[in-house]
């Protein structure tokens, strides 16, 4: 009887993983950004980060901000994962969320990490959150229209299966490539020092407005109900990879400024 029960539970467990495998690909994007950031840290920054995270990598902690969503005591941070902006807005002109947004989240994390009076617990929490938020910042639909919740209500199909535009950019394109986060990070485009410097240039608000220009392109790339297939991935997966890389490089820039 015990053996039968074990087999049933095991079947249900692994079936659930298979049916929900897309959620793991969303994690891979964040982990790739964290791994790329590691490659651009100074030795001094890397040492201090290692102390705060107790040896855990940026890739490992990159999904923490999503994992805590299931705990109600962290509800106040939910709006920090995105920015509501109409397509013709800049961040300066956009109506601000009174609960805060991605910019609020990133700025708060930076302030906590720079504060010499912050506790170890506070530094660890805000560092984990910052790693995740820089990933969110570079996903174009995290700076989307409020009326469709950043593309979550734009119903489309991905190879015949019903989904939404936000999900396609969060994990579907990454998932279909079947690459681990290490493969994504290690196969990032080789950049010159000049190109890296150009990516680092600008303020946080400049980066928001830059990504939002891409947001407009993404919204215009589909029609409601459209069945997206190989051609869409062929055209846009390169942009996904670029955004993961930019997020990692800019995360490293901020961390080096904080800890170096």
Protein backbone atom coordinates (compact mmCIF):
# COMPACT_ATOMS: atom_id res chain seq x y z
CA UNK A 1 0.00 0.00 0.00
CA UNK A 2 2.83 2.38 0.93
CA UNK A 3 4.60 1.62 -2.36
CA UNK A 4 1.44 2.36 -4.35
CA UNK A 5 0.94 5.63 -2.47
CA UNK A 6 4.56 6.61 -3.12
CA UNK A 7 4.19 5.91 -6.84
CA UNK A 8 0.98 7.95 -7.07
CA UNK A 9 2.51 10.92 -5.23
CA UNK A 10 5.66 10.72 -7.34
CA UNK A 11 3.62 10.64 -10.55
CA UNK A 12 1.59 13.67 -9.52
CA UNK A 13 4.71 15.55 -8.45
CA UNK A 14 6.61 15.04 -11.67
CA UNK A 15 3.49 15.58 -13.79
CA UNK A 16 3.05 18.93 -12.07
CA UNK A 17 6.65 19.88 -12.87
CA UNK A 18 6.11 18.98 -16.51
CA UNK A 19 2.85 20.91 -16.81
CA UNK A 20 4.29 23.99 -15.11
CA UNK A 21 7.81 23.90 -16.52
CA UNK A 22 7.36 27.39 -17.94
CA UNK A 23 7.71 28.88 -14.46
CA UNK A 24 11.27 27.59 -14.28
CA UNK A 25 12.25 29.43 -17.46
CA UNK A 26 11.23 32.73 -15.92
CA UNK A 27 13.72 31.91 -13.21
CA UNK A 28 16.38 31.15 -15.80
CA UNK A 29 16.18 34.66 -17.19
CA UNK A 30 16.79 36.19 -13.76
CA UNK A 31 19.56 33.73 -13.00
CA UNK A 32 21.28 34.48 -16.30
CA UNK A 33 21.23 38.20 -15.47
CA UNK A 34 22.73 37.47 -12.04
CA UNK A 35 25.43 35.26 -13.54
CA UNK A 36 26.35 37.90 -16.12
CA UNK A 37 26.60 40.51 -13.37
CA UNK A 38 29.09 38.31 -11.48
CA UNK A 39 31.45 38.52 -14.45
CA UNK A 40 31.52 42.33 -14.27
CA UNK A 41 32.07 42.82 -10.53
CA UNK A 42 35.27 44.22 -9.09
CA UNK A 43 37.18 41.99 -6.66
CA UNK A 44 36.32 44.29 -3.76
CA UNK A 45 32.60 44.33 -4.58
CA UNK A 46 32.55 40.57 -5.07
CA UNK A 47 34.14 40.02 -1.65
CA UNK A 48 31.62 42.25 0.16
CA UNK A 49 28.67 40.69 -1.69
CA UNK A 50 29.93 37.23 -0.80
CA UNK A 51 29.98 38.22 2.87
CA UNK A 52 26.43 39.61 2.78
CA UNK A 53 24.99 36.62 0.90
CA UNK A 54 27.01 34.10 2.92
CA UNK A 55 28.52 32.57 -0.20
CA UNK A 56 25.33 32.42 -2.26
CA UNK A 57 25.66 33.61 -5.86
CA UNK A 58 23.74 36.46 -7.46
CA UNK A 59 22.16 33.89 -9.76
CA UNK A 60 20.93 31.86 -6.78
CA UNK A 61 19.30 34.83 -4.99
CA UNK A 62 17.92 36.42 -8.17
CA UNK A 63 14.50 34.77 -7.80
CA UNK A 64 14.03 35.62 -4.11
CA UNK A 65 11.76 38.61 -4.79
CA UNK A 66 9.32 36.34 -6.66
CA UNK A 67 9.52 33.54 -4.12
CA UNK A 68 8.36 35.77 -1.24
CA UNK A 69 5.20 36.82 -3.09
CA UNK A 70 3.41 33.87 -1.48
CA UNK A 71 3.94 35.43 1.96
CA UNK A 72 1.43 38.20 2.71
CA UNK A 73 3.83 40.13 4.90
CA UNK A 74 5.72 41.06 1.73
CA UNK A 75 2.64 42.34 -0.15
CA UNK A 76 3.85 45.94 0.03
CA UNK A 77 6.71 45.08 -2.34
CA UNK A 78 4.47 43.72 -5.11
CA UNK A 79 4.22 47.00 -7.04
CA UNK A 80 8.01 47.33 -6.99
CA UNK A 81 8.26 44.70 -9.75
CA UNK A 82 6.85 46.92 -12.51
CA UNK A 83 6.10 50.42 -13.79
CA UNK A 84 2.77 51.51 -15.26
CA UNK A 85 3.40 53.69 -18.31
CA UNK A 86 1.29 54.55 -21.32
CA UNK A 87 3.09 54.03 -24.61
CA UNK A 88 3.60 57.74 -25.24
CA UNK A 89 4.89 58.42 -21.72
CA UNK A 90 8.35 58.92 -20.34
CA UNK A 91 8.96 58.04 -16.71
CA UNK A 92 8.96 61.73 -15.81
CA UNK A 93 5.55 62.31 -17.41
CA UNK A 94 3.90 59.05 -16.31
CA UNK A 95 1.41 58.96 -13.45
CA UNK A 96 3.16 57.40 -10.47
CA UNK A 97 1.84 54.48 -8.47
CA UNK A 98 1.26 55.70 -4.88
CA UNK A 99 2.42 52.28 -3.67
CA UNK A 100 5.74 52.67 -5.47
CA UNK A 101 7.20 51.04 -8.56
CA UNK A 102 10.40 49.52 -9.93
CA UNK A 103 12.26 52.80 -9.58
CA UNK A 104 11.10 53.08 -5.97
CA UNK A 105 12.27 49.54 -5.32
CA UNK A 106 15.69 49.97 -6.88
CA UNK A 107 16.34 53.31 -5.19
CA UNK A 108 15.24 51.96 -1.79
CA UNK A 109 17.52 48.94 -2.12
CA UNK A 110 20.50 51.09 -3.09
CA UNK A 111 19.90 53.44 -0.14
CA UNK A 112 19.68 50.52 2.31
CA UNK A 113 22.89 48.96 1.00
CA UNK A 114 24.77 52.26 1.20
CA UNK A 115 23.54 52.98 4.72
CA UNK A 116 26.32 52.14 7.18
CA UNK A 117 23.71 51.63 9.91
CA UNK A 118 21.82 48.94 7.98
CA UNK A 119 21.80 45.55 9.70
CA UNK A 120 23.19 42.43 8.07
CA UNK A 121 19.62 41.19 7.67
CA UNK A 122 18.55 44.39 5.92
CA UNK A 123 21.53 44.36 3.59
CA UNK A 124 20.91 40.74 2.62
CA UNK A 125 17.22 41.36 1.97
CA UNK A 126 17.73 44.49 -0.11
CA UNK A 127 20.62 42.99 -2.08
CA UNK A 128 18.48 40.01 -3.07
CA UNK A 129 15.65 42.34 -4.07
CA UNK A 130 17.96 44.60 -6.09
CA UNK A 131 19.31 41.66 -8.11
CA UNK A 132 15.77 40.70 -9.07
CA UNK A 133 14.57 44.22 -9.80
CA UNK A 134 17.35 44.88 -12.31
CA UNK A 135 16.17 41.78 -14.16
CA UNK A 136 12.57 42.99 -14.10
CA UNK A 137 13.63 46.42 -15.32
CA UNK A 138 15.02 44.97 -18.55
CA UNK A 139 11.95 42.89 -19.39
CA UNK A 140 10.03 45.34 -21.64
CA UNK A 141 6.59 44.35 -20.37
CA UNK A 142 7.47 45.17 -16.78
CA UNK A 143 7.17 48.77 -18.01
CA UNK A 144 3.82 48.26 -19.68
CA UNK A 145 0.33 49.69 -19.99
CA UNK A 146 -1.72 49.68 -16.77
CA UNK A 147 -4.97 48.73 -18.50
CA UNK A 148 -3.63 45.35 -19.67
CA UNK A 149 -1.28 44.76 -16.72
CA UNK A 150 1.89 44.87 -18.78
CA UNK A 151 0.63 42.58 -21.52
CA UNK A 152 -0.83 39.97 -19.17
CA UNK A 153 -4.28 40.62 -20.64
CA UNK A 154 -3.10 40.59 -24.27
CA UNK A 155 -4.30 37.12 -25.19
CA UNK A 156 -2.32 35.34 -27.89
CA UNK A 157 -1.13 31.83 -28.74
CA UNK A 158 2.34 30.36 -28.59
CA UNK A 159 2.63 27.46 -31.02
CA UNK A 160 -1.13 26.93 -30.74
CA UNK A 161 -1.35 27.06 -26.93
CA UNK A 162 -3.23 29.92 -25.29
CA UNK A 163 -1.05 32.34 -23.35
CA UNK A 164 -0.43 36.08 -23.10
CA UNK A 165 2.16 38.52 -24.39
CA UNK A 166 3.79 39.06 -20.99
CA UNK A 167 4.38 35.33 -20.55
CA UNK A 168 5.95 34.99 -23.99
CA UNK A 169 8.54 37.60 -23.07
CA UNK A 170 8.96 36.37 -19.49
CA UNK A 171 9.68 32.75 -20.26
CA UNK A 172 8.23 31.20 -23.44
CA UNK A 173 11.00 32.31 -25.81
CA UNK A 174 13.70 31.43 -23.30
CA UNK A 175 12.05 28.11 -22.53
CA UNK A 176 11.82 27.01 -26.15
CA UNK A 177 15.58 27.39 -26.53
CA UNK A 178 16.03 24.83 -23.77
CA UNK A 179 19.16 26.47 -22.38
CA UNK A 180 20.19 26.57 -18.73
CA UNK A 181 20.89 29.94 -17.15
CA UNK A 182 24.62 29.17 -17.32
CA UNK A 183 24.37 28.48 -21.04
CA UNK A 184 22.48 31.74 -21.54
CA UNK A 185 25.06 33.69 -19.53
CA UNK A 186 28.13 32.00 -21.02
CA UNK A 187 26.86 32.54 -24.54
CA UNK A 188 26.13 36.24 -24.09
CA UNK A 189 27.45 38.40 -26.89
CA UNK A 190 31.12 39.30 -26.70
CA UNK A 191 31.34 43.06 -26.14
CA UNK A 192 34.18 45.54 -26.42
CA UNK A 193 35.07 47.87 -23.54
CA UNK A 194 33.49 50.68 -25.53
CA UNK A 195 30.22 48.78 -25.90
CA UNK A 196 30.12 47.90 -22.19
CA UNK A 197 30.77 51.54 -21.30
CA UNK A 198 27.85 52.58 -23.53
CA UNK A 199 25.52 50.12 -21.76
CA UNK A 200 26.55 51.43 -18.33
CA UNK A 201 26.02 55.04 -19.38
CA UNK A 202 23.04 56.98 -18.07
CA UNK A 203 20.90 57.08 -14.96
CA UNK A 204 18.28 54.66 -13.70
CA UNK A 205 15.57 56.84 -15.25
CA UNK A 206 17.46 56.85 -18.58
CA UNK A 207 17.43 53.04 -18.49
CA UNK A 208 13.68 53.00 -17.78
CA UNK A 209 12.96 55.25 -20.77
CA UNK A 210 15.28 53.20 -22.99
CA UNK A 211 13.52 49.94 -22.12
CA UNK A 212 10.14 51.61 -22.56
CA UNK A 213 11.01 52.39 -26.19
CA UNK A 214 11.37 48.64 -26.62
CA UNK A 215 8.07 48.15 -24.80
CA UNK A 216 6.31 50.12 -27.53
CA UNK A 217 7.90 47.88 -30.18
CA UNK A 218 6.79 44.74 -28.33
CA UNK A 219 3.18 45.91 -28.10
CA UNK A 220 3.20 46.69 -31.82
CA UNK A 221 4.69 43.30 -32.67
CA UNK A 222 1.46 41.30 -32.20
CA UNK A 223 -2.29 41.39 -32.67
CA UNK A 224 -4.72 40.01 -30.10
CA UNK A 225 -5.32 36.31 -30.70
CA UNK A 226 -2.32 35.93 -33.00
CA UNK A 227 -0.58 32.54 -33.06
CA UNK A 228 3.14 33.22 -32.56
CA UNK A 229 5.58 30.62 -33.82
CA UNK A 230 9.18 30.25 -35.01
CA UNK A 231 9.24 33.52 -36.95
CA UNK A 232 8.49 35.55 -33.81
CA UNK A 233 11.19 33.84 -31.79
CA UNK A 234 13.64 34.23 -34.66
CA UNK A 235 13.00 37.97 -34.76
CA UNK A 236 12.86 38.74 -31.04
CA UNK A 237 14.88 36.18 -29.07
CA UNK A 238 18.05 38.13 -29.85
CA UNK A 239 16.48 41.11 -28.08
CA UNK A 240 15.66 38.93 -25.07
CA UNK A 241 19.31 37.88 -24.85
CA UNK A 242 20.47 41.48 -25.18
CA UNK A 243 18.16 42.57 -22.37
CA UNK A 244 19.45 39.83 -20.07
CA UNK A 245 22.99 40.98 -20.79
CA UNK A 246 22.24 44.67 -20.29
CA UNK A 247 20.51 43.88 -17.02
CA UNK A 248 23.57 41.99 -15.78
CA UNK A 249 26.05 44.68 -16.80
CA UNK A 250 23.97 47.45 -15.24
CA UNK A 251 23.39 45.44 -12.07
CA UNK A 252 27.16 45.04 -11.76
CA UNK A 253 27.62 48.78 -12.30
CA UNK A 254 25.30 49.58 -9.40
CA UNK A 255 26.87 46.96 -7.13
CA UNK A 256 30.38 48.19 -7.91
CA UNK A 257 29.31 51.75 -7.07
CA UNK A 258 27.83 50.57 -3.77
CA UNK A 259 30.57 48.21 -2.61
CA UNK A 260 33.82 49.15 -4.35
